[in-house]
Amino acid sequence: MSPTVIILEGYRFFFFSEEGNERPHIHVKKENRLCKFWISPKIKLAKNTRFKDFELKRIEAFVLENQKILLRRWYEYFHTRRKI
């Protein structure tokens, strides 16, 4: 399962449900391109597949603008899953 957190300009921001044991991060997909950004303790690109540099800068700006929302959703989602 990959819950979508937000979609911005066609970029889908989501989690992989089995990755709650890692530090907070977000995956971003658009068409056949995929990347992963750490969102805590600071925002940093972790992995990139096929995104061009200008796209990564745009995505990083989205992550920065929405960091609080992404972190809140991360902790809500994985905290709830641990109780199940």
PDB file of N, CA and C in Angstrom:
ATOM      1  N   MET A   1       0.832  -1.174   0.000  1.00  0.00           N
ATOM      2  CA  MET A   1       0.000   0.000   0.000  1.00  0.00           C
ATOM      3  C   MET A   1       0.883   1.245   0.000  1.00  0.00           C
ATOM      4  N   SER A   2       0.493   2.230  -0.765  1.00  0.00           N
ATOM      5  CA  SER A   2       1.251   3.467  -0.878  1.00  0.00           C
ATOM      6  C   SER A   2       0.315   4.659  -0.727  1.00  0.00           C
ATOM      7  N   PRO A   3       0.046   5.089   0.501  1.00  0.00           N
ATOM      8  CA  PRO A   3      -0.898   6.185   0.694  1.00  0.00           C
ATOM      9  C   PRO A   3      -0.384   7.510   0.126  1.00  0.00           C
ATOM     10  N   THR A   4      -1.218   8.149  -0.668  1.00  0.00           N
ATOM     11  CA  THR A   4      -0.894   9.451  -1.233  1.00  0.00           C
ATOM     12  C   THR A   4      -1.140  10.526  -0.181  1.00  0.00           C
ATOM     13  N   VAL A   5      -0.177  11.409  -0.024  1.00  0.00           N
ATOM     14  CA  VAL A   5      -0.298  12.505   0.919  1.00  0.00           C
ATOM     15  C   VAL A   5      -0.846  13.740   0.211  1.00  0.00           C
ATOM     16  N   ILE A   6      -0.291  14.028  -0.955  1.00  0.00           N
ATOM     17  CA  ILE A   6      -0.684  15.217  -1.701  1.00  0.00           C
ATOM     18  C   ILE A   6      -0.270  15.052  -3.159  1.00  0.00           C
ATOM     19  N   ILE A   7      -0.969  15.729  -4.041  1.00  0.00           N
ATOM     20  CA  ILE A   7      -0.582  15.794  -5.454  1.00  0.00           C
ATOM     21  C   ILE A   7      -0.457  17.263  -5.815  1.00  0.00           C
ATOM     22  N   LEU A   8       0.708  17.653  -6.311  1.00  0.00           N
ATOM     23  CA  LEU A   8       0.973  19.034  -6.696  1.00  0.00           C
ATOM     24  C   LEU A   8       1.541  19.046  -8.111  1.00  0.00           C
ATOM     25  N   GLU A   9       0.879  19.748  -8.998  1.00  0.00           N
ATOM     26  CA  GLU A   9       1.341  19.884 -10.384  1.00  0.00           C
ATOM     27  C   GLU A   9       1.676  18.530 -11.015  1.00  0.00           C
ATOM     28  N   GLY A  10       0.895  17.531 -10.696  1.00  0.00           N
ATOM     29  CA  GLY A  10       1.099  16.208 -11.266  1.00  0.00           C
ATOM     30  C   GLY A  10       2.106  15.344 -10.532  1.00  0.00           C
ATOM     31  N   TYR A  11       2.784  15.887  -9.532  1.00  0.00           N
ATOM     32  CA  TYR A  11       3.723  15.117  -8.719  1.00  0.00           C
ATOM     33  C   TYR A  11       2.940  14.481  -7.572  1.00  0.00           C
ATOM     34  N   ARG A  12       3.040  13.176  -7.460  1.00  0.00           N
ATOM     35  CA  ARG A  12       2.356  12.454  -6.382  1.00  0.00           C
ATOM     36  C   ARG A  12       3.331  12.226  -5.239  1.00  0.00           C
ATOM     37  N   PHE A  13       2.994  12.737  -4.050  1.00  0.00           N
ATOM     38  CA  PHE A  13       3.811  12.597  -2.854  1.00  0.00           C
ATOM     39  C   PHE A  13       3.188  11.494  -2.006  1.00  0.00           C
ATOM     40  N   PHE A  14       3.962  10.466  -1.670  1.00  0.00           N
ATOM     41  CA  PHE A  14       3.391   9.305  -0.993  1.00  0.00           C
ATOM     42  C   PHE A  14       4.413   8.592  -0.127  1.00  0.00           C
ATOM     43  N   PHE A  15       3.894   7.678   0.706  1.00  0.00           N
ATOM     44  CA  PHE A  15       4.722   6.796   1.537  1.00  0.00           C
ATOM     45  C   PHE A  15       4.559   5.369   1.049  1.00  0.00           C
ATOM     46  N   PHE A  16       5.567   4.546   1.293  1.00  0.00           N
ATOM     47  CA  PHE A  16       5.415   3.099   1.185  1.00  0.00           C
ATOM     48  C   PHE A  16       5.119   2.607   2.598  1.00  0.00           C
ATOM     49  N   SER A  17       4.056   1.875   2.760  1.00  0.00           N
ATOM     50  CA  SER A  17       3.580   1.520   4.098  1.00  0.00           C
ATOM     51  C   SER A  17       4.553   0.661   4.908  1.00  0.00           C
ATOM     52  N   GLU A  18       5.471  -0.019   4.266  1.00  0.00           N
ATOM     53  CA  GLU A  18       6.401  -0.873   5.005  1.00  0.00           C
ATOM     54  C   GLU A  18       7.672  -0.135   5.424  1.00  0.00           C
ATOM     55  N   GLU A  19       7.743   1.162   5.204  1.00  0.00           N
ATOM     56  CA  GLU A  19       8.977   1.904   5.496  1.00  0.00           C
ATOM     57  C   GLU A  19       8.907   2.757   6.765  1.00  0.00           C
ATOM     58  N   GLY A  20       7.998   2.457   7.655  1.00  0.00           N
ATOM     59  CA  GLY A  20       7.866   3.225   8.883  1.00  0.00           C
ATOM     60  C   GLY A  20       9.033   3.095   9.832  1.00  0.00           C
ATOM     61  N   ASN A  21       9.917   2.129   9.597  1.00  0.00           N
ATOM     62  CA  ASN A  21      11.086   1.957  10.456  1.00  0.00           C
ATOM     63  C   ASN A  21      12.239   2.877  10.043  1.00  0.00           C
ATOM     64  N   GLU A  22      12.111   3.555   8.913  1.00  0.00           N
ATOM     65  CA  GLU A  22      13.122   4.513   8.474  1.00  0.00           C
ATOM     66  C   GLU A  22      12.789   5.884   9.042  1.00  0.00           C
ATOM     67  N   ARG A  23      13.748   6.796   8.949  1.00  0.00           N
ATOM     68  CA  ARG A  23      13.426   8.159   9.379  1.00  0.00           C
ATOM     69  C   ARG A  23      12.436   8.774   8.389  1.00  0.00           C
ATOM     70  N   PRO A  24      11.711   9.817   8.777  1.00  0.00           N
ATOM     71  CA  PRO A  24      10.663  10.372   7.917  1.00  0.00           C
ATOM     72  C   PRO A  24      11.178  10.780   6.531  1.00  0.00           C
ATOM     73  N   HIS A  25      10.440  10.347   5.527  1.00  0.00           N
ATOM     74  CA  HIS A  25      10.786  10.666   4.143  1.00  0.00           C
ATOM     75  C   HIS A  25       9.521  10.617   3.290  1.00  0.00           C
ATOM     76  N   ILE A  26       9.649  11.120   2.089  1.00  0.00           N
ATOM     77  CA  ILE A  26       8.531  11.128   1.155  1.00  0.00           C
ATOM     78  C   ILE A  26       9.034  10.685  -0.211  1.00  0.00           C
ATOM     79  N   HIS A  27       8.237   9.880  -0.892  1.00  0.00           N
ATOM     80  CA  HIS A  27       8.520   9.493  -2.267  1.00  0.00           C
ATOM     81  C   HIS A  27       7.690  10.394  -3.171  1.00  0.00           C
ATOM     82  N   VAL A  28       8.246  10.687  -4.336  1.00  0.00           N
ATOM     83  CA  VAL A  28       7.554  11.532  -5.300  1.00  0.00           C
ATOM     84  C   VAL A  28       7.631  10.852  -6.660  1.00  0.00           C
ATOM     85  N   LYS A  29       6.469  10.764  -7.313  1.00  0.00           N
ATOM     86  CA  LYS A  29       6.404  10.090  -8.614  1.00  0.00           C
ATOM     87  C   LYS A  29       5.649  10.957  -9.602  1.00  0.00           C
ATOM     88  N   LYS A  30       6.147  10.953 -10.819  1.00  0.00           N
ATOM     89  CA  LYS A  30       5.450  11.570 -11.945  1.00  0.00           C
ATOM     90  C   LYS A  30       5.841  10.769 -13.171  1.00  0.00           C
ATOM     91  N   GLU A  31       4.838  10.179 -13.800  1.00  0.00           N
ATOM     92  CA  GLU A  31       5.050   9.300 -14.956  1.00  0.00           C
ATOM     93  C   GLU A  31       6.030   8.197 -14.569  1.00  0.00           C
ATOM     94  N   ASN A  32       7.154   8.070 -15.268  1.00  0.00           N
ATOM     95  CA  ASN A  32       8.105   6.992 -14.957  1.00  0.00           C
ATOM     96  C   ASN A  32       9.285   7.474 -14.115  1.00  0.00           C
ATOM     97  N   ARG A  33       9.129   8.636 -13.484  1.00  0.00           N
ATOM     98  CA  ARG A  33      10.204   9.204 -12.670  1.00  0.00           C
ATOM     99  C   ARG A  33       9.840   9.074 -11.188  1.00  0.00           C
ATOM    100  N   LEU A  34      10.860   8.837 -10.378  1.00  0.00           N
ATOM    101  CA  LEU A  34      10.641   8.612  -8.952  1.00  0.00           C
ATOM    102  C   LEU A  34      11.835   9.152  -8.169  1.00  0.00           C
ATOM    103  N   CYS A  35      11.541   9.769  -7.031  1.00  0.00           N
ATOM    104  CA  CYS A  35      12.622  10.196  -6.138  1.00  0.00           C
ATOM    105  C   CYS A  35      12.158  10.062  -4.697  1.00  0.00           C
ATOM    106  N   LYS A  36      13.109  10.214  -3.793  1.00  0.00           N
ATOM    107  CA  LYS A  36      12.846  10.107  -2.363  1.00  0.00           C
ATOM    108  C   LYS A  36      13.592  11.236  -1.666  1.00  0.00           C
ATOM    109  N   PHE A  37      12.878  11.946  -0.799  1.00  0.00           N
ATOM    110  CA  PHE A  37      13.479  13.016  -0.007  1.00  0.00           C
ATOM    111  C   PHE A  37      13.322  12.703   1.473  1.00  0.00           C
ATOM    112  N   TRP A  38      14.419  12.855   2.224  1.00  0.00           N
ATOM    113  CA  TRP A  38      14.322  12.839   3.675  1.00  0.00           C
ATOM    114  C   TRP A  38      13.625  14.134   4.063  1.00  0.00           C
ATOM    115  N   ILE A  39      12.723  14.082   5.034  1.00  0.00           N
ATOM    116  CA  ILE A  39      12.032  15.293   5.468  1.00  0.00           C
ATOM    117  C   ILE A  39      12.352  15.646   6.923  1.00  0.00           C
ATOM    118  N   SER A  40      13.179  14.846   7.565  1.00  0.00           N
ATOM    119  CA  SER A  40      13.613  15.132   8.928  1.00  0.00           C
ATOM    120  C   SER A  40      14.925  14.393   9.173  1.00  0.00           C
ATOM    121  N   PRO A  41      15.889  14.947   9.853  1.00  0.00           N
ATOM    122  CA  PRO A  41      15.832  16.232  10.526  1.00  0.00           C
ATOM    123  C   PRO A  41      15.937  17.423   9.567  1.00  0.00           C
ATOM    124  N   LYS A  42      16.491  17.202   8.369  1.00  0.00           N
ATOM    125  CA  LYS A  42      16.475  18.269   7.371  1.00  0.00           C
ATOM    126  C   LYS A  42      16.103  17.672   6.015  1.00  0.00           C
ATOM    127  N   ILE A  43      15.680  18.507   5.125  1.00  0.00           N
ATOM    128  CA  ILE A  43      15.269  18.060   3.796  1.00  0.00           C
ATOM    129  C   ILE A  43      16.507  17.786   2.958  1.00  0.00           C
ATOM    130  N   LYS A  44      16.542  16.569   2.389  1.00  0.00           N
ATOM    131  CA  LYS A  44      17.697  16.179   1.585  1.00  0.00           C
ATOM    132  C   LYS A  44      17.275  15.094   0.606  1.00  0.00           C
ATOM    133  N   LEU A  45      17.736  15.204  -0.618  1.00  0.00           N
ATOM    134  CA  LEU A  45      17.469  14.175  -1.618  1.00  0.00           C
ATOM    135  C   LEU A  45      18.155  12.879  -1.198  1.00  0.00           C
ATOM    136  N   ALA A  46      17.397  11.789  -1.174  1.00  0.00           N
ATOM    137  CA  ALA A  46      17.945  10.485  -0.802  1.00  0.00           C
ATOM    138  C   ALA A  46      18.185   9.611  -2.025  1.00  0.00           C
ATOM    139  N   LYS A  47      17.298   9.733  -3.027  1.00  0.00           N
ATOM    140  CA  LYS A  47      17.395   8.864  -4.197  1.00  0.00           C
ATOM    141  C   LYS A  47      16.661   9.523  -5.359  1.00  0.00           C
ATOM    142  N   ASN A  48      17.177   9.311  -6.560  1.00  0.00           N
ATOM    143  CA  ASN A  48      16.542   9.866  -7.748  1.00  0.00           C
ATOM    144  C   ASN A  48      16.613   8.880  -8.902  1.00  0.00           C
ATOM    145  N   THR A  49      15.489   8.697  -9.566  1.00  0.00           N
ATOM    146  CA  THR A  49      15.425   7.880 -10.773  1.00  0.00           C
ATOM    147  C   THR A  49      14.708   8.686 -11.854  1.00  0.00           C
ATOM    148  N   ARG A  50      15.482   9.230 -12.765  1.00  0.00           N
ATOM    149  CA  ARG A  50      15.004   9.889 -13.987  1.00  0.00           C
ATOM    150  C   ARG A  50      14.531  11.336 -13.874  1.00  0.00           C
ATOM    151  N   PHE A  51      14.440  11.912 -12.698  1.00  0.00           N
ATOM    152  CA  PHE A  51      14.086  13.329 -12.630  1.00  0.00           C
ATOM    153  C   PHE A  51      15.291  14.162 -13.041  1.00  0.00           C
ATOM    154  N   LYS A  52      15.042  15.209 -13.776  1.00  0.00           N
ATOM    155  CA  LYS A  52      16.100  16.144 -14.154  1.00  0.00           C
ATOM    156  C   LYS A  52      16.316  17.124 -12.995  1.00  0.00           C
ATOM    157  N   ASP A  53      17.474  17.781 -13.004  1.00  0.00           N
ATOM    158  CA  ASP A  53      17.842  18.679 -11.909  1.00  0.00           C
ATOM    159  C   ASP A  53      16.789  19.764 -11.665  1.00  0.00           C
ATOM    160  N   PHE A  54      16.263  20.356 -12.726  1.00  0.00           N
ATOM    161  CA  PHE A  54      15.292  21.431 -12.531  1.00  0.00           C
ATOM    162  C   PHE A  54      14.015  20.904 -11.876  1.00  0.00           C
ATOM    163  N   GLU A  55      13.648  19.643 -12.171  1.00  0.00           N
ATOM    164  CA  GLU A  55      12.479  19.048 -11.524  1.00  0.00           C
ATOM    165  C   GLU A  55      12.755  18.783 -10.045  1.00  0.00           C
ATOM    166  N   LEU A  56      13.946  18.308  -9.743  1.00  0.00           N
ATOM    167  CA  LEU A  56      14.309  18.036  -8.356  1.00  0.00           C
ATOM    168  C   LEU A  56      14.283  19.317  -7.523  1.00  0.00           C
ATOM    169  N   LYS A  57      14.714  20.420  -8.114  1.00  0.00           N
ATOM    170  CA  LYS A  57      14.659  21.701  -7.392  1.00  0.00           C
ATOM    171  C   LYS A  57      13.213  22.103  -7.127  1.00  0.00           C
ATOM    172  N   ARG A  58      12.334  21.864  -8.096  1.00  0.00           N
ATOM    173  CA  ARG A  58      10.908  22.184  -7.923  1.00  0.00           C
ATOM    174  C   ARG A  58      10.297  21.291  -6.839  1.00  0.00           C
ATOM    175  N   ILE A  59      10.601  20.009  -6.888  1.00  0.00           N
ATOM    176  CA  ILE A  59      10.093  19.067  -5.892  1.00  0.00           C
ATOM    177  C   ILE A  59      10.617  19.427  -4.503  1.00  0.00           C
ATOM    178  N   GLU A  60      11.899  19.736  -4.409  1.00  0.00           N
ATOM    179  CA  GLU A  60      12.474  20.112  -3.119  1.00  0.00           C
ATOM    180  C   GLU A  60      11.772  21.353  -2.558  1.00  0.00           C
ATOM    181  N   ALA A  61      11.428  22.308  -3.422  1.00  0.00           N
ATOM    182  CA  ALA A  61      10.692  23.498  -2.980  1.00  0.00           C
ATOM    183  C   ALA A  61       9.309  23.106  -2.447  1.00  0.00           C
ATOM    184  N   PHE A  62       8.633  22.163  -3.130  1.00  0.00           N
ATOM    185  CA  PHE A  62       7.342  21.663  -2.652  1.00  0.00           C
ATOM    186  C   PHE A  62       7.497  21.010  -1.276  1.00  0.00           C
ATOM    187  N   VAL A  63       8.538  20.208  -1.136  1.00  0.00           N
ATOM    188  CA  VAL A  63       8.776  19.522   0.144  1.00  0.00           C
ATOM    189  C   VAL A  63       9.026  20.550   1.244  1.00  0.00           C
ATOM    190  N   LEU A  64       9.834  21.535   0.959  1.00  0.00           N
ATOM    191  CA  LEU A  64      10.126  22.579   1.941  1.00  0.00           C
ATOM    192  C   LEU A  64       8.852  23.333   2.328  1.00  0.00           C
ATOM    193  N   GLU A  65       8.049  23.713   1.340  1.00  0.00           N
ATOM    194  CA  GLU A  65       6.811  24.451   1.592  1.00  0.00           C
ATOM    195  C   GLU A  65       5.803  23.632   2.396  1.00  0.00           C
ATOM    196  N   ASN A  66       5.850  22.317   2.260  1.00  0.00           N
ATOM    197  CA  ASN A  66       4.858  21.437   2.882  1.00  0.00           C
ATOM    198  C   ASN A  66       5.453  20.523   3.945  1.00  0.00           C
ATOM    199  N   GLN A  67       6.638  20.830   4.426  1.00  0.00           N
ATOM    200  CA  GLN A  67       7.336  19.949   5.363  1.00  0.00           C
ATOM    201  C   GLN A  67       6.500  19.628   6.596  1.00  0.00           C
ATOM    202  N   LYS A  68       5.852  20.616   7.184  1.00  0.00           N
ATOM    203  CA  LYS A  68       5.061  20.369   8.397  1.00  0.00           C
ATOM    204  C   LYS A  68       3.916  19.404   8.112  1.00  0.00           C
ATOM    205  N   ILE A  69       3.245  19.594   6.995  1.00  0.00           N
ATOM    206  CA  ILE A  69       2.140  18.699   6.616  1.00  0.00           C
ATOM    207  C   ILE A  69       2.665  17.293   6.380  1.00  0.00           C
ATOM    208  N   LEU A  70       3.768  17.174   5.651  1.00  0.00           N
ATOM    209  CA  LEU A  70       4.339  15.855   5.348  1.00  0.00           C
ATOM    210  C   LEU A  70       4.746  15.137   6.624  1.00  0.00           C
ATOM    211  N   LEU A  71       5.389  15.854   7.532  1.00  0.00           N
ATOM    212  CA  LEU A  71       5.793  15.237   8.800  1.00  0.00           C
ATOM    213  C   LEU A  71       4.583  14.831   9.627  1.00  0.00           C
ATOM    214  N   ARG A  72       3.590  15.689   9.697  1.00  0.00           N
ATOM    215  CA  ARG A  72       2.386  15.347  10.459  1.00  0.00           C
ATOM    216  C   ARG A  72       1.736  14.092   9.894  1.00  0.00           C
ATOM    217  N   ARG A  73       1.604  14.027   8.586  1.00  0.00           N
ATOM    218  CA  ARG A  73       0.992  12.852   7.955  1.00  0.00           C
ATOM    219  C   ARG A  73       1.840  11.603   8.176  1.00  0.00           C
ATOM    220  N   TRP A  74       3.165  11.754   8.122  1.00  0.00           N
ATOM    221  CA  TRP A  74       4.063  10.622   8.378  1.00  0.00           C
ATOM    222  C   TRP A  74       3.791  10.044   9.769  1.00  0.00           C
ATOM    223  N   TYR A  75       3.826  10.897  10.782  1.00  0.00           N
ATOM    224  CA  TYR A  75       3.648  10.415  12.149  1.00  0.00           C
ATOM    225  C   TYR A  75       2.230   9.906  12.400  1.00  0.00           C
ATOM    226  N   GLU A  76       1.235  10.544  11.821  1.00  0.00           N
ATOM    227  CA  GLU A  76      -0.138  10.046  11.955  1.00  0.00           C
ATOM    228  C   GLU A  76      -0.254   8.653  11.341  1.00  0.00           C
ATOM    229  N   TYR A  77       0.263   8.494  10.143  1.00  0.00           N
ATOM    230  CA  TYR A  77       0.126   7.220   9.441  1.00  0.00           C
ATOM    231  C   TYR A  77       0.890   6.101  10.142  1.00  0.00           C
ATOM    232  N   PHE A  78       2.161   6.309  10.432  1.00  0.00           N
ATOM    233  CA  PHE A  78       2.968   5.225  10.991  1.00  0.00           C
ATOM    234  C   PHE A  78       2.671   4.985  12.470  1.00  0.00           C
ATOM    235  N   HIS A  79       2.271   5.995  13.204  1.00  0.00           N
ATOM    236  CA  HIS A  79       1.876   5.795  14.603  1.00  0.00           C
ATOM    237  C   HIS A  79       0.613   4.928  14.652  1.00  0.00           C
ATOM    238  N   THR A  80      -0.349   5.206  13.784  1.00  0.00           N
ATOM    239  CA  THR A  80      -1.583   4.431  13.729  1.00  0.00           C
ATOM    240  C   THR A  80      -1.302   2.984  13.331  1.00  0.00           C
ATOM    241  N   ARG A  81      -0.401   2.775  12.367  1.00  0.00           N
ATOM    242  CA  ARG A  81      -0.095   1.423  11.907  1.00  0.00           C
ATOM    243  C   ARG A  81       0.577   0.597  12.992  1.00  0.00           C
ATOM    244  N   ARG A  82       1.382   1.222  13.844  1.00  0.00           N
ATOM    245  CA  ARG A  82       2.054   0.486  14.912  1.00  0.00           C
ATOM    246  C   ARG A  82       1.079  -0.042  15.947  1.00  0.00           C
ATOM    247  N   LYS A  83      -0.060   0.627  16.089  1.00  0.00           N
ATOM    248  CA  LYS A  83      -1.057   0.193  17.066  1.00  0.00           C
ATOM    249  C   LYS A  83      -1.862  -1.001  16.575  1.00  0.00           C
ATOM    250  N   ILE A  84      -1.846  -1.244  15.269  1.00  0.00           N
ATOM    251  CA  ILE A  84      -2.671  -2.334  14.699  1.00  0.00           C
ATOM    252  C   ILE A  84      -2.036  -3.674  14.982  1.00  0.00           C
TER     253      ILE A  84
END
